[in-house]
């Protein structure tokens, strides 16, 4: 089974987006978000917002390519 280059590129960009999101969550938890530390919570919320924006932008980018 051969994977097309476009599908491979889309999957790679999505994986990078998810990896960055997971990184934000790990850093936020290490900064004390579970204990209610404001900075850790801010990092986690910022990661969620960044994930939504990046994945939305990738979706719009891939929508135009056919």
Protein backbone atom coordinates (compact mmCIF):
# COMPACT_ATOMS: atom_id res chain seq x y z
CA UNK A 1 0.00 0.00 0.00
CA UNK A 2 1.46 3.32 -1.04
CA UNK A 3 0.65 6.54 0.78
CA UNK A 4 0.34 9.68 -1.30
CA UNK A 5 2.72 12.53 -0.57
CA UNK A 6 -0.13 14.94 0.21
CA UNK A 7 -1.68 12.59 2.78
CA UNK A 8 1.71 12.01 4.36
CA UNK A 9 2.32 15.76 4.63
CA UNK A 10 -1.12 16.36 6.17
CA UNK A 11 -0.61 13.57 8.69
CA UNK A 12 2.85 14.87 9.58
CA UNK A 13 1.61 18.40 10.21
CA UNK A 14 -1.27 17.11 12.33
CA UNK A 15 1.13 14.97 14.39
CA UNK A 16 3.38 17.99 14.94
CA UNK A 17 0.36 20.02 16.10
CA UNK A 18 -0.65 17.32 18.56
CA UNK A 19 2.94 16.94 19.83
CA UNK A 20 3.14 20.68 20.54
CA UNK A 21 -0.20 20.48 22.37
CA UNK A 22 0.99 17.57 24.50
CA UNK A 23 4.18 19.51 25.21
CA UNK A 24 2.13 22.46 26.50
CA UNK A 25 0.16 20.12 28.75
CA UNK A 26 3.29 18.48 30.16
CA UNK A 27 4.99 21.82 30.83
CA UNK A 28 1.82 23.19 32.40
CA UNK A 29 1.49 20.20 34.68
CA UNK A 30 5.15 20.46 35.67
CA UNK A 31 4.58 24.11 36.52
CA UNK A 32 1.90 23.12 39.02
CA UNK A 33 -1.40 23.42 37.19
CA UNK A 34 -2.74 20.44 39.15
CA UNK A 35 -2.11 22.24 42.41
CA UNK A 36 -3.77 25.42 41.20
CA UNK A 37 -0.64 27.42 40.40
CA UNK A 38 -1.67 30.35 38.17
CA UNK A 39 1.31 30.14 35.79
CA UNK A 40 0.88 26.42 35.14
CA UNK A 41 -2.82 26.91 34.53
CA UNK A 42 -2.09 29.79 32.16
CA UNK A 43 0.33 27.60 30.17
CA UNK A 44 -2.24 24.81 29.89
CA UNK A 45 -5.03 27.14 28.79
CA UNK A 46 -2.66 28.82 26.34
CA UNK A 47 -1.78 25.40 24.95
CA UNK A 48 -5.43 24.56 24.41
CA UNK A 49 -6.05 27.88 22.64
CA UNK A 50 -2.91 27.48 20.52
CA UNK A 51 -3.95 23.93 19.58
CA UNK A 52 -7.40 25.07 18.45
CA UNK A 53 -5.94 27.93 16.40
CA UNK A 54 -3.20 25.82 14.77
CA UNK A 55 -5.49 22.90 13.93
CA UNK A 56 -8.10 25.32 12.55
CA UNK A 57 -5.47 26.98 10.37
CA UNK A 58 -4.26 23.59 9.13
CA UNK A 59 -7.84 22.61 8.36
CA UNK A 60 -8.33 25.75 6.29
CA UNK A 61 -5.01 25.14 4.54
CA UNK A 62 -5.96 21.59 3.64
CA UNK A 63 -9.50 22.59 2.65
CA UNK A 64 -8.23 24.63 -0.30
CA UNK A 65 -5.93 21.88 -1.59
CA UNK A 66 -7.60 19.29 -3.79
